[in-house]
Amino acid sequence: MVFNQKDSQIILKWITDNTQSCLFLLYEQILPDDAFGKVMIRNLKLRNIELKGIHAYPTLDTQVQRFKQLNWHDVHAVDINTLHDHPSSQEEIRR
């Protein structure tokens, strides 16, 4: 969704308007202005890849607000480090 911010909002709006209940798992790049984010964006630009929506929703909080503005009610966001550091089960730890 980060590759085309305008179309991604249209897709999310359609889902909102056409479903009663939905789980949406989104794996997006965030924090374009920290040291890692700047390197990531620079490296992608060298490959002619642009993350058009990364500055529209640069943090976990802005990602949450993105969904809440479309009337999604139960919205949660975590980064990959949190998922790694706090696995959901013992089975996940073993995996």
N, C-alpha and C. Protein backbone atom coordinates (compact mmCIF):
# COMPACT_ATOMS: atom_id res chain seq x y z
N MET A 1 0.82 -1.17 0.00
CA MET A 1 0.00 0.00 0.00
C MET A 1 0.87 1.25 0.00
N VAL A 2 2.07 1.12 0.50
CA VAL A 2 2.96 2.27 0.57
C VAL A 2 3.47 2.69 -0.82
N PHE A 3 3.36 1.80 -1.79
CA PHE A 3 3.86 2.13 -3.12
C PHE A 3 2.93 3.08 -3.86
N ASN A 4 1.66 3.12 -3.52
CA ASN A 4 0.73 4.03 -4.18
C ASN A 4 -0.31 4.48 -3.17
N GLN A 5 -0.02 5.56 -2.48
CA GLN A 5 -0.84 6.03 -1.37
C GLN A 5 -2.27 6.34 -1.79
N LYS A 6 -2.48 6.98 -2.93
CA LYS A 6 -3.84 7.36 -3.34
C LYS A 6 -4.72 6.13 -3.55
N ASP A 7 -4.25 5.16 -4.32
CA ASP A 7 -5.03 3.96 -4.57
C ASP A 7 -5.25 3.14 -3.31
N SER A 8 -4.29 3.16 -2.39
CA SER A 8 -4.44 2.38 -1.17
C SER A 8 -5.61 2.89 -0.34
N GLN A 9 -5.80 4.18 -0.30
CA GLN A 9 -6.94 4.73 0.44
C GLN A 9 -8.27 4.34 -0.22
N ILE A 10 -8.29 4.28 -1.53
CA ILE A 10 -9.50 3.86 -2.24
C ILE A 10 -9.83 2.41 -1.90
N ILE A 11 -8.80 1.57 -1.85
CA ILE A 11 -8.99 0.16 -1.51
C ILE A 11 -9.51 0.02 -0.07
N LEU A 12 -8.89 0.74 0.86
CA LEU A 12 -9.33 0.67 2.25
C LEU A 12 -10.76 1.18 2.41
N LYS A 13 -11.10 2.23 1.70
CA LYS A 13 -12.47 2.77 1.74
C LYS A 13 -13.45 1.74 1.20
N TRP A 14 -13.10 1.07 0.12
CA TRP A 14 -13.98 0.04 -0.45
C TRP A 14 -14.21 -1.08 0.56
N ILE A 15 -13.15 -1.52 1.22
CA ILE A 15 -13.28 -2.57 2.23
C ILE A 15 -14.21 -2.11 3.35
N THR A 16 -14.02 -0.88 3.80
CA THR A 16 -14.86 -0.32 4.85
C THR A 16 -16.33 -0.32 4.44
N ASP A 17 -16.59 0.10 3.23
CA ASP A 17 -17.97 0.24 2.75
C ASP A 17 -18.64 -1.09 2.41
N ASN A 18 -17.85 -2.13 2.17
CA ASN A 18 -18.42 -3.37 1.64
C ASN A 18 -18.26 -4.60 2.54
N THR A 19 -17.78 -4.41 3.74
CA THR A 19 -17.66 -5.54 4.67
C THR A 19 -18.21 -5.14 6.03
N GLN A 20 -18.70 -6.12 6.75
CA GLN A 20 -19.18 -5.86 8.11
C GLN A 20 -18.08 -6.09 9.13
N SER A 21 -17.19 -7.01 8.83
CA SER A 21 -16.11 -7.34 9.74
C SER A 21 -14.90 -7.75 8.91
N CYS A 22 -13.74 -7.26 9.30
CA CYS A 22 -12.56 -7.54 8.49
C CYS A 22 -11.31 -7.48 9.35
N LEU A 23 -10.37 -8.35 9.04
CA LEU A 23 -9.03 -8.29 9.62
C LEU A 23 -8.10 -7.90 8.50
N PHE A 24 -7.33 -6.86 8.72
CA PHE A 24 -6.42 -6.37 7.69
C PHE A 24 -5.02 -6.36 8.27
N LEU A 25 -4.14 -7.16 7.73
CA LEU A 25 -2.76 -7.22 8.18
C LEU A 25 -1.91 -6.45 7.17
N LEU A 26 -1.23 -5.45 7.67
CA LEU A 26 -0.47 -4.57 6.80
C LEU A 26 0.99 -4.57 7.25
N TYR A 27 1.88 -4.83 6.33
CA TYR A 27 3.31 -4.83 6.62
C TYR A 27 3.94 -3.73 5.79
N GLU A 28 4.12 -2.56 6.40
CA GLU A 28 4.57 -1.38 5.67
C GLU A 28 5.86 -0.83 6.28
N GLN A 29 6.60 -0.15 5.46
CA GLN A 29 7.77 0.56 5.94
C GLN A 29 7.29 1.80 6.70
N ILE A 30 7.98 2.10 7.80
CA ILE A 30 7.67 3.29 8.59
C ILE A 30 8.97 4.00 8.95
N LEU A 31 8.83 5.14 9.55
CA LEU A 31 9.95 5.95 10.05
C LEU A 31 10.95 6.32 8.95
N PRO A 32 10.50 7.01 7.91
CA PRO A 32 11.39 7.38 6.82
C PRO A 32 12.45 8.40 7.21
N ASP A 33 12.26 9.07 8.35
CA ASP A 33 13.19 10.14 8.72
C ASP A 33 14.22 9.73 9.76
N ASP A 34 14.17 8.46 10.23
CA ASP A 34 15.25 8.04 11.12
C ASP A 34 16.43 7.57 10.26
N ALA A 35 17.53 7.24 10.89
CA ALA A 35 18.75 6.90 10.14
C ALA A 35 18.52 5.72 9.20
N PHE A 36 17.89 4.66 9.69
CA PHE A 36 17.64 3.50 8.85
C PHE A 36 16.70 3.85 7.71
N GLY A 37 15.65 4.61 8.01
CA GLY A 37 14.69 5.00 6.98
C GLY A 37 15.33 5.79 5.86
N LYS A 38 16.21 6.70 6.20
CA LYS A 38 16.90 7.49 5.18
C LYS A 38 17.76 6.61 4.27
N VAL A 39 18.46 5.66 4.87
CA VAL A 39 19.28 4.73 4.08
C VAL A 39 18.38 3.87 3.19
N MET A 40 17.29 3.37 3.75
CA MET A 40 16.35 2.55 2.99
C MET A 40 15.82 3.31 1.77
N ILE A 41 15.36 4.53 1.99
CA ILE A 41 14.80 5.32 0.89
C ILE A 41 15.86 5.61 -0.16
N ARG A 42 17.06 5.95 0.28
CA ARG A 42 18.15 6.23 -0.67
C ARG A 42 18.47 4.98 -1.50
N ASN A 43 18.57 3.83 -0.85
CA ASN A 43 18.86 2.59 -1.58
C ASN A 43 17.75 2.23 -2.56
N LEU A 44 16.51 2.42 -2.18
CA LEU A 44 15.40 2.13 -3.09
C LEU A 44 15.40 3.09 -4.28
N LYS A 45 15.70 4.36 -4.03
CA LYS A 45 15.75 5.33 -5.13
C LYS A 45 16.82 4.95 -6.15
N LEU A 46 17.93 4.39 -5.68
CA LEU A 46 18.98 3.94 -6.61
C LEU A 46 18.48 2.84 -7.53
N ARG A 47 17.43 2.16 -7.12
CA ARG A 47 16.83 1.09 -7.92
C ARG A 47 15.53 1.55 -8.60
N ASN A 48 15.33 2.87 -8.61
CA ASN A 48 14.13 3.48 -9.20
C ASN A 48 12.84 2.99 -8.55
N ILE A 49 12.88 2.78 -7.24
CA ILE A 49 11.70 2.38 -6.48
C ILE A 49 11.35 3.53 -5.55
N GLU A 50 10.10 3.95 -5.62
CA GLU A 50 9.63 5.05 -4.78
C GLU A 50 8.50 4.56 -3.88
N LEU A 51 8.63 4.82 -2.60
CA LEU A 51 7.57 4.51 -1.65
C LEU A 51 6.69 5.75 -1.52
N LYS A 52 5.72 5.88 -2.41
CA LYS A 52 4.95 7.11 -2.54
C LYS A 52 4.16 7.48 -1.29
N GLY A 53 3.76 6.52 -0.51
CA GLY A 53 2.94 6.81 0.66
C GLY A 53 3.66 6.85 1.98
N ILE A 54 4.95 6.66 1.98
CA ILE A 54 5.66 6.53 3.26
C ILE A 54 5.62 7.81 4.10
N HIS A 55 5.60 8.96 3.46
CA HIS A 55 5.57 10.21 4.23
C HIS A 55 4.15 10.57 4.67
N ALA A 56 3.14 9.99 4.02
CA ALA A 56 1.76 10.24 4.44
C ALA A 56 1.45 9.53 5.75
N TYR A 57 2.05 8.38 5.96
CA TYR A 57 1.80 7.56 7.16
C TYR A 57 3.14 7.07 7.70
N PRO A 58 3.95 7.97 8.28
CA PRO A 58 5.33 7.61 8.61
C PRO A 58 5.53 6.89 9.94
N THR A 59 4.50 6.82 10.77
CA THR A 59 4.66 6.20 12.09
C THR A 59 3.54 5.19 12.35
N LEU A 60 3.71 4.41 13.39
CA LEU A 60 2.64 3.48 13.77
C LEU A 60 1.36 4.24 14.09
N ASP A 61 1.48 5.36 14.79
CA ASP A 61 0.29 6.12 15.16
C ASP A 61 -0.44 6.66 13.93
N THR A 62 0.31 7.14 12.94
CA THR A 62 -0.37 7.64 11.74
C THR A 62 -1.01 6.49 10.96
N GLN A 63 -0.42 5.31 11.02
CA GLN A 63 -1.05 4.14 10.39
C GLN A 63 -2.38 3.81 11.09
N VAL A 64 -2.39 3.86 12.41
CA VAL A 64 -3.62 3.61 13.16
C VAL A 64 -4.67 4.65 12.80
N GLN A 65 -4.28 5.92 12.80
CA GLN A 65 -5.23 6.98 12.47
C GLN A 65 -5.78 6.84 11.05
N ARG A 66 -4.98 6.37 10.15
CA ARG A 66 -5.40 6.13 8.77
C ARG A 66 -6.64 5.23 8.73
N PHE A 67 -6.63 4.17 9.51
CA PHE A 67 -7.76 3.24 9.54
C PHE A 67 -8.93 3.81 10.34
N LYS A 68 -8.63 4.48 11.45
CA LYS A 68 -9.71 5.05 12.26
C LYS A 68 -10.48 6.12 11.50
N GLN A 69 -9.79 6.88 10.66
CA GLN A 69 -10.48 7.90 9.85
C GLN A 69 -11.45 7.27 8.86
N LEU A 70 -11.25 6.00 8.55
CA LEU A 70 -12.17 5.28 7.66
C LEU A 70 -13.18 4.45 8.46
N ASN A 71 -13.30 4.78 9.75
CA ASN A 71 -14.28 4.15 10.64
C ASN A 71 -13.98 2.69 10.99
N TRP A 72 -12.71 2.30 10.94
CA TRP A 72 -12.33 1.00 11.49
C TRP A 72 -12.30 1.19 13.00
N HIS A 73 -12.84 0.23 13.74
CA HIS A 73 -13.04 0.43 15.17
C HIS A 73 -11.92 -0.14 16.04
N ASP A 74 -11.50 -1.32 15.78
CA ASP A 74 -10.52 -2.00 16.63
C ASP A 74 -9.20 -2.07 15.88
N VAL A 75 -8.39 -1.03 16.01
CA VAL A 75 -7.17 -0.90 15.21
C VAL A 75 -5.96 -0.99 16.13
N HIS A 76 -5.02 -1.85 15.78
CA HIS A 76 -3.79 -2.01 16.55
C HIS A 76 -2.61 -2.01 15.58
N ALA A 77 -1.47 -1.52 16.05
CA ALA A 77 -0.27 -1.53 15.22
C ALA A 77 0.94 -1.83 16.08
N VAL A 78 1.81 -2.67 15.57
CA VAL A 78 3.09 -2.96 16.22
C VAL A 78 4.16 -3.01 15.13
N ASP A 79 5.38 -2.77 15.54
CA ASP A 79 6.46 -2.88 14.57
C ASP A 79 7.07 -4.28 14.63
N ILE A 80 7.92 -4.58 13.69
CA ILE A 80 8.50 -5.92 13.58
C ILE A 80 9.37 -6.26 14.79
N ASN A 81 10.01 -5.25 15.37
CA ASN A 81 10.82 -5.51 16.57
C ASN A 81 9.96 -5.97 17.73
N THR A 82 8.80 -5.38 17.89
CA THR A 82 7.87 -5.79 18.95
C THR A 82 7.40 -7.22 18.72
N LEU A 83 7.07 -7.55 17.49
CA LEU A 83 6.66 -8.92 17.18
C LEU A 83 7.77 -9.91 17.50
N HIS A 84 8.98 -9.53 17.19
CA HIS A 84 10.13 -10.40 17.45
C HIS A 84 10.38 -10.55 18.95
N ASP A 85 10.32 -9.44 19.67
CA ASP A 85 10.65 -9.44 21.09
C ASP A 85 9.53 -9.99 21.98
N HIS A 86 8.31 -10.02 21.48
CA HIS A 86 7.16 -10.47 22.26
C HIS A 86 6.31 -11.43 21.43
N PRO A 87 6.81 -12.63 21.19
CA PRO A 87 6.05 -13.60 20.38
C PRO A 87 4.72 -13.93 21.05
N SER A 88 3.76 -14.32 20.23
CA SER A 88 2.40 -14.56 20.73
C SER A 88 2.24 -15.88 21.47
N SER A 89 3.16 -16.81 21.31
CA SER A 89 3.01 -18.11 21.98
C SER A 89 4.36 -18.82 22.07
N GLN A 90 4.40 -19.85 22.89
CA GLN A 90 5.61 -20.66 22.99
C GLN A 90 5.90 -21.35 21.66
N GLU A 91 4.85 -21.75 20.97
CA GLU A 91 5.03 -22.38 19.66
C GLU A 91 5.73 -21.42 18.69
N GLU A 92 5.36 -20.17 18.75
CA GLU A 92 5.98 -19.16 17.88
C GLU A 92 7.45 -18.99 18.24
N ILE A 93 7.78 -19.03 19.51
CA ILE A 93 9.18 -18.92 19.94
C ILE A 93 9.99 -20.09 19.38
N ARG A 94 9.44 -21.30 19.46
CA ARG A 94 10.15 -22.48 18.95
C ARG A 94 10.34 -22.39 17.44
N ARG A 95 9.35 -21.85 16.75
CA ARG A 95 9.42 -21.76 15.30
C ARG A 95 10.55 -20.83 14.91
